[in-house]
Amino acid sequence: MNIEDVVGTKVMVLFHSAKGLSKLGIDDPSKYCRVVGFDNIGLWVENPSYEETPIRDEEGVLIPPHQRVARRYIAQILIPWGNVRAIVAFPDREKAEPELESEEVRPIGTYL
Protein backbone atom coordinates (compact mmCIF):
# COMPACT_ATOMS: atom_id res chain seq x y z
CA MET A 1 0.00 0.00 0.00
CA ASN A 2 1.16 3.53 -0.76
CA ILE A 3 0.10 6.81 0.80
CA GLU A 4 -1.76 7.68 -2.43
CA ASP A 5 -4.08 4.73 -1.75
CA VAL A 6 -5.53 6.28 1.43
CA VAL A 7 -6.54 9.63 -0.08
CA GLY A 8 -10.33 9.83 0.10
CA THR A 9 -10.61 7.13 2.78
CA LYS A 10 -11.01 7.13 6.53
CA VAL A 11 -7.88 6.06 8.41
CA MET A 12 -6.68 5.97 11.99
CA VAL A 13 -3.75 8.30 12.63
CA LEU A 14 -1.53 7.61 15.65
CA PHE A 15 0.43 10.61 16.88
CA HIS A 16 3.90 10.94 18.38
CA SER A 17 2.47 14.00 20.00
CA ALA A 18 -0.75 15.94 19.62
CA LYS A 19 0.95 18.94 21.22
CA GLY A 20 -0.07 22.12 19.44
CA LEU A 21 -2.99 20.46 17.63
CA SER A 22 -5.68 20.75 20.32
CA LYS A 23 -7.21 23.92 18.81
CA LEU A 24 -7.87 21.83 15.72
CA GLY A 25 -9.75 19.16 17.67
CA ILE A 26 -6.79 16.79 17.93
CA ASP A 27 -6.02 16.06 21.56
CA ASP A 28 -5.88 12.26 21.74
CA PRO A 29 -2.98 9.93 20.85
CA SER A 30 -5.03 8.66 17.89
CA LYS A 31 -7.90 9.90 15.71
CA TYR A 32 -10.03 8.57 12.89
CA CYS A 33 -10.19 10.98 10.00
CA ARG A 34 -10.67 11.23 6.25
CA VAL A 35 -7.46 11.86 4.31
CA VAL A 36 -7.81 14.53 1.61
CA GLY A 37 -4.18 14.71 0.53
CA PHE A 38 -0.52 14.70 1.48
CA ASP A 39 2.66 16.55 0.62
CA ASN A 40 6.24 16.75 1.79
CA ILE A 41 5.15 18.67 4.91
CA GLY A 42 2.47 16.32 6.17
CA LEU A 43 -0.92 14.66 5.90
CA TRP A 44 -4.02 16.67 4.98
CA VAL A 45 -7.17 15.52 6.80
CA GLU A 46 -10.74 16.76 6.89
CA ASN A 47 -12.54 18.19 9.87
CA PRO A 48 -16.21 18.32 8.80
CA SER A 49 -17.28 20.39 11.80
CA TYR A 50 -14.60 22.98 12.52
CA GLU A 51 -16.20 25.59 14.74
CA GLU A 52 -15.31 29.19 15.47
CA THR A 53 -17.18 32.01 17.15
CA PRO A 54 -16.55 35.51 15.78
CA ILE A 55 -16.13 38.18 18.45
CA ARG A 56 -16.33 41.13 16.04
CA ASP A 57 -18.85 41.96 13.31
CA GLU A 58 -18.04 43.00 9.71
CA GLU A 59 -17.34 46.59 10.80
CA GLY A 60 -14.93 45.48 13.51
CA VAL A 61 -17.32 46.23 16.37
CA LEU A 62 -17.11 43.88 19.35
CA ILE A 63 -20.11 41.52 19.55
CA PRO A 64 -21.51 41.18 23.09
CA PRO A 65 -20.88 37.65 24.46
CA HIS A 66 -24.60 36.80 24.66
CA GLN A 67 -25.04 37.63 20.94
CA ARG A 68 -22.09 35.62 19.62
CA VAL A 69 -23.02 32.70 17.41
CA ALA A 70 -20.75 29.79 16.57
CA ARG A 71 -20.16 29.06 12.88
CA ARG A 72 -19.29 25.64 11.48
CA TYR A 73 -17.12 24.98 8.46
CA ILE A 74 -15.52 22.07 6.67
CA ALA A 75 -11.81 22.48 7.29
CA GLN A 76 -8.79 20.74 5.88
CA ILE A 77 -5.97 20.40 8.38
CA LEU A 78 -2.30 19.77 7.72
CA ILE A 79 -0.80 17.40 10.28
CA PRO A 80 3.02 17.66 10.03
CA TRP A 81 4.77 14.34 9.42
CA GLY A 82 6.73 14.92 12.65
CA ASN A 83 3.49 14.47 14.60
CA VAL A 84 2.49 11.25 12.81
CA ARG A 85 3.64 7.96 14.35
CA ALA A 86 1.60 5.64 12.12
CA ILE A 87 -1.36 5.55 9.76
CA VAL A 88 -3.74 2.59 9.89
CA ALA A 89 -5.62 2.00 6.64
CA PHE A 90 -8.64 -0.22 6.12
CA PRO A 91 -8.40 -1.38 2.48
CA ASP A 92 -11.42 -3.70 2.64
CA ARG A 93 -13.75 -0.82 3.46
CA GLU A 94 -15.44 0.80 0.53
CA LYS A 95 -14.72 4.50 0.04
CA ALA A 96 -18.46 5.18 -0.04
CA GLU A 97 -19.26 2.96 2.95
CA PRO A 98 -21.44 4.69 5.56
CA GLU A 99 -19.63 6.04 8.58
CA LEU A 100 -19.14 3.59 11.42
CA GLU A 101 -21.09 4.36 14.55
CA SER A 102 -18.98 3.74 17.59
CA GLU A 103 -17.63 5.67 20.51
CA GLU A 104 -14.16 4.64 19.43
CA VAL A 105 -14.58 5.99 15.91
CA ARG A 106 -14.84 9.73 16.28
CA PRO A 107 -13.88 12.00 13.44
CA ILE A 108 -11.50 14.87 14.17
CA GLY A 109 -13.35 17.84 15.52
CA THR A 110 -16.47 16.15 16.98
CA TYR A 111 -14.67 15.48 16.87
CA LEU A 112 -11.27 15.77 13.64
C-alpha atoms as a PDB file:
ATOM      1  CA  MET A   1       0.000   0.000   0.000  1.00  0.00           C
ATOM      2  CA  ASN A   2       1.157   3.533  -0.761  1.00  0.00           C
ATOM      3  CA  ILE A   3       0.104   6.808   0.802  1.00  0.00           C
ATOM      4  CA  GLU A   4      -1.761   7.678  -2.427  1.00  0.00           C
ATOM      5  CA  ASP A   5      -4.081   4.730  -1.748  1.00  0.00           C
ATOM      6  CA  VAL A   6      -5.531   6.275   1.429  1.00  0.00           C
ATOM      7  CA  VAL A   7      -6.538   9.629  -0.084  1.00  0.00           C
ATOM      8  CA  GLY A   8     -10.325   9.828   0.103  1.00  0.00           C
ATOM      9  CA  THR A   9     -10.611   7.132   2.784  1.00  0.00           C
ATOM     10  CA  LYS A  10     -11.008   7.126   6.526  1.00  0.00           C
ATOM     11  CA  VAL A  11      -7.878   6.062   8.415  1.00  0.00           C
ATOM     12  CA  MET A  12      -6.680   5.969  11.988  1.00  0.00           C
ATOM     13  CA  VAL A  13      -3.750   8.304  12.627  1.00  0.00           C
ATOM     14  CA  LEU A  14      -1.533   7.612  15.647  1.00  0.00           C
ATOM     15  CA  PHE A  15       0.435  10.606  16.881  1.00  0.00           C
ATOM     16  CA  HIS A  16       3.902  10.939  18.381  1.00  0.00           C
ATOM     17  CA  SER A  17       2.467  14.001  20.004  1.00  0.00           C
ATOM     18  CA  ALA A  18      -0.753  15.941  19.625  1.00  0.00           C
ATOM     19  CA  LYS A  19       0.953  18.942  21.219  1.00  0.00           C
ATOM     20  CA  GLY A  20      -0.072  22.115  19.442  1.00  0.00           C
ATOM     21  CA  LEU A  21      -2.991  20.463  17.634  1.00  0.00           C
ATOM     22  CA  SER A  22      -5.685  20.752  20.320  1.00  0.00           C
ATOM     23  CA  LYS A  23      -7.207  23.924  18.812  1.00  0.00           C
ATOM     24  CA  LEU A  24      -7.866  21.828  15.720  1.00  0.00           C
ATOM     25  CA  GLY A  25      -9.754  19.161  17.671  1.00  0.00           C
ATOM     26  CA  ILE A  26      -6.786  16.787  17.927  1.00  0.00           C
ATOM     27  CA  ASP A  27      -6.016  16.063  21.555  1.00  0.00           C
ATOM     28  CA  ASP A  28      -5.875  12.259  21.741  1.00  0.00           C
ATOM     29  CA  PRO A  29      -2.978   9.932  20.845  1.00  0.00           C
ATOM     30  CA  SER A  30      -5.026   8.659  17.885  1.00  0.00           C
ATOM     31  CA  LYS A  31      -7.898   9.903  15.712  1.00  0.00           C
ATOM     32  CA  TYR A  32     -10.029   8.572  12.885  1.00  0.00           C
ATOM     33  CA  CYS A  33     -10.189  10.976  10.001  1.00  0.00           C
ATOM     34  CA  ARG A  34     -10.667  11.232   6.249  1.00  0.00           C
ATOM     35  CA  VAL A  35      -7.462  11.857   4.306  1.00  0.00           C
ATOM     36  CA  VAL A  36      -7.815  14.528   1.612  1.00  0.00           C
ATOM     37  CA  GLY A  37      -4.178  14.710   0.527  1.00  0.00           C
ATOM     38  CA  PHE A  38      -0.519  14.700   1.484  1.00  0.00           C
ATOM     39  CA  ASP A  39       2.655  16.551   0.624  1.00  0.00           C
ATOM     40  CA  ASN A  40       6.243  16.750   1.794  1.00  0.00           C
ATOM     41  CA  ILE A  41       5.154  18.674   4.912  1.00  0.00           C
ATOM     42  CA  GLY A  42       2.466  16.324   6.167  1.00  0.00           C
ATOM     43  CA  LEU A  43      -0.916  14.661   5.904  1.00  0.00           C
ATOM     44  CA  TRP A  44      -4.017  16.668   4.980  1.00  0.00           C
ATOM     45  CA  VAL A  45      -7.175  15.520   6.801  1.00  0.00           C
ATOM     46  CA  GLU A  46     -10.744  16.761   6.887  1.00  0.00           C
ATOM     47  CA  ASN A  47     -12.542  18.187   9.870  1.00  0.00           C
ATOM     48  CA  PRO A  48     -16.213  18.322   8.804  1.00  0.00           C
ATOM     49  CA  SER A  49     -17.284  20.394  11.800  1.00  0.00           C
ATOM     50  CA  TYR A  50     -14.598  22.977  12.522  1.00  0.00           C
ATOM     51  CA  GLU A  51     -16.198  25.592  14.740  1.00  0.00           C
ATOM     52  CA  GLU A  52     -15.307  29.191  15.466  1.00  0.00           C
ATOM     53  CA  THR A  53     -17.178  32.011  17.153  1.00  0.00           C
ATOM     54  CA  PRO A  54     -16.550  35.508  15.783  1.00  0.00           C
ATOM     55  CA  ILE A  55     -16.131  38.177  18.449  1.00  0.00           C
ATOM     56  CA  ARG A  56     -16.327  41.132  16.039  1.00  0.00           C
ATOM     57  CA  ASP A  57     -18.848  41.961  13.311  1.00  0.00           C
ATOM     58  CA  GLU A  58     -18.042  42.999   9.707  1.00  0.00           C
ATOM     59  CA  GLU A  59     -17.344  46.595  10.797  1.00  0.00           C
ATOM     60  CA  GLY A  60     -14.933  45.477  13.510  1.00  0.00           C
ATOM     61  CA  VAL A  61     -17.317  46.231  16.369  1.00  0.00           C
ATOM     62  CA  LEU A  62     -17.113  43.880  19.352  1.00  0.00           C
ATOM     63  CA  ILE A  63     -20.113  41.518  19.550  1.00  0.00           C
ATOM     64  CA  PRO A  64     -21.506  41.181  23.086  1.00  0.00           C
ATOM     65  CA  PRO A  65     -20.880  37.653  24.464  1.00  0.00           C
ATOM     66  CA  HIS A  66     -24.595  36.800  24.661  1.00  0.00           C
ATOM     67  CA  GLN A  67     -25.041  37.635  20.939  1.00  0.00           C
ATOM     68  CA  ARG A  68     -22.086  35.625  19.616  1.00  0.00           C
ATOM     69  CA  VAL A  69     -23.024  32.704  17.410  1.00  0.00           C
ATOM     70  CA  ALA A  70     -20.751  29.788  16.566  1.00  0.00           C
ATOM     71  CA  ARG A  71     -20.158  29.063  12.881  1.00  0.00           C
ATOM     72  CA  ARG A  72     -19.290  25.644  11.482  1.00  0.00           C
ATOM     73  CA  TYR A  73     -17.124  24.976   8.465  1.00  0.00           C
ATOM     74  CA  ILE A  74     -15.518  22.075   6.671  1.00  0.00           C
ATOM     75  CA  ALA A  75     -11.805  22.484   7.294  1.00  0.00           C
ATOM     76  CA  GLN A  76      -8.794  20.736   5.877  1.00  0.00           C
ATOM     77  CA  ILE A  77      -5.973  20.399   8.380  1.00  0.00           C
ATOM     78  CA  LEU A  78      -2.302  19.768   7.722  1.00  0.00           C
ATOM     79  CA  ILE A  79      -0.796  17.398  10.285  1.00  0.00           C
ATOM     80  CA  PRO A  80       3.016  17.659  10.034  1.00  0.00           C
ATOM     81  CA  TRP A  81       4.768  14.342   9.422  1.00  0.00           C
ATOM     82  CA  GLY A  82       6.726  14.918  12.647  1.00  0.00           C
ATOM     83  CA  ASN A  83       3.486  14.472  14.604  1.00  0.00           C
ATOM     84  CA  VAL A  84       2.490  11.249  12.815  1.00  0.00           C
ATOM     85  CA  ARG A  85       3.642   7.962  14.355  1.00  0.00           C
ATOM     86  CA  ALA A  86       1.600   5.641  12.121  1.00  0.00           C
ATOM     87  CA  ILE A  87      -1.363   5.552   9.755  1.00  0.00           C
ATOM     88  CA  VAL A  88      -3.736   2.594   9.894  1.00  0.00           C
ATOM     89  CA  ALA A  89      -5.621   2.003   6.643  1.00  0.00           C
ATOM     90  CA  PHE A  90      -8.640  -0.225   6.116  1.00  0.00           C
ATOM     91  CA  PRO A  91      -8.399  -1.382   2.484  1.00  0.00           C
ATOM     92  CA  ASP A  92     -11.422  -3.704   2.638  1.00  0.00           C
ATOM     93  CA  ARG A  93     -13.750  -0.821   3.458  1.00  0.00           C
ATOM     94  CA  GLU A  94     -15.440   0.796   0.529  1.00  0.00           C
ATOM     95  CA  LYS A  95     -14.723   4.495   0.042  1.00  0.00           C
ATOM     96  CA  ALA A  96     -18.463   5.183  -0.044  1.00  0.00           C
ATOM     97  CA  GLU A  97     -19.257   2.960   2.949  1.00  0.00           C
ATOM     98  CA  PRO A  98     -21.440   4.687   5.557  1.00  0.00           C
ATOM     99  CA  GLU A  99     -19.628   6.035   8.580  1.00  0.00           C
ATOM    100  CA  LEU A 100     -19.138   3.594  11.423  1.00  0.00           C
ATOM    101  CA  GLU A 101     -21.088   4.362  14.547  1.00  0.00           C
ATOM    102  CA  SER A 102     -18.978   3.737  17.593  1.00  0.00           C
ATOM    103  CA  GLU A 103     -17.630   5.674  20.512  1.00  0.00           C
ATOM    104  CA  GLU A 104     -14.156   4.636  19.430  1.00  0.00           C
ATOM    105  CA  VAL A 105     -14.576   5.990  15.912  1.00  0.00           C
ATOM    106  CA  ARG A 106     -14.838   9.734  16.282  1.00  0.00           C
ATOM    107  CA  PRO A 107     -13.879  12.003  13.435  1.00  0.00           C
ATOM    108  CA  ILE A 108     -11.495  14.870  14.172  1.00  0.00           C
ATOM    109  CA  GLY A 109     -13.354  17.840  15.520  1.00  0.00           C
ATOM    110  CA  THR A 110     -16.472  16.148  16.976  1.00  0.00           C
ATOM    111  CA  TYR A 111     -14.669  15.480  16.874  1.00  0.00           C
ATOM    112  CA  LEU A 112     -11.269  15.766  13.637  1.00  0.00           C
END
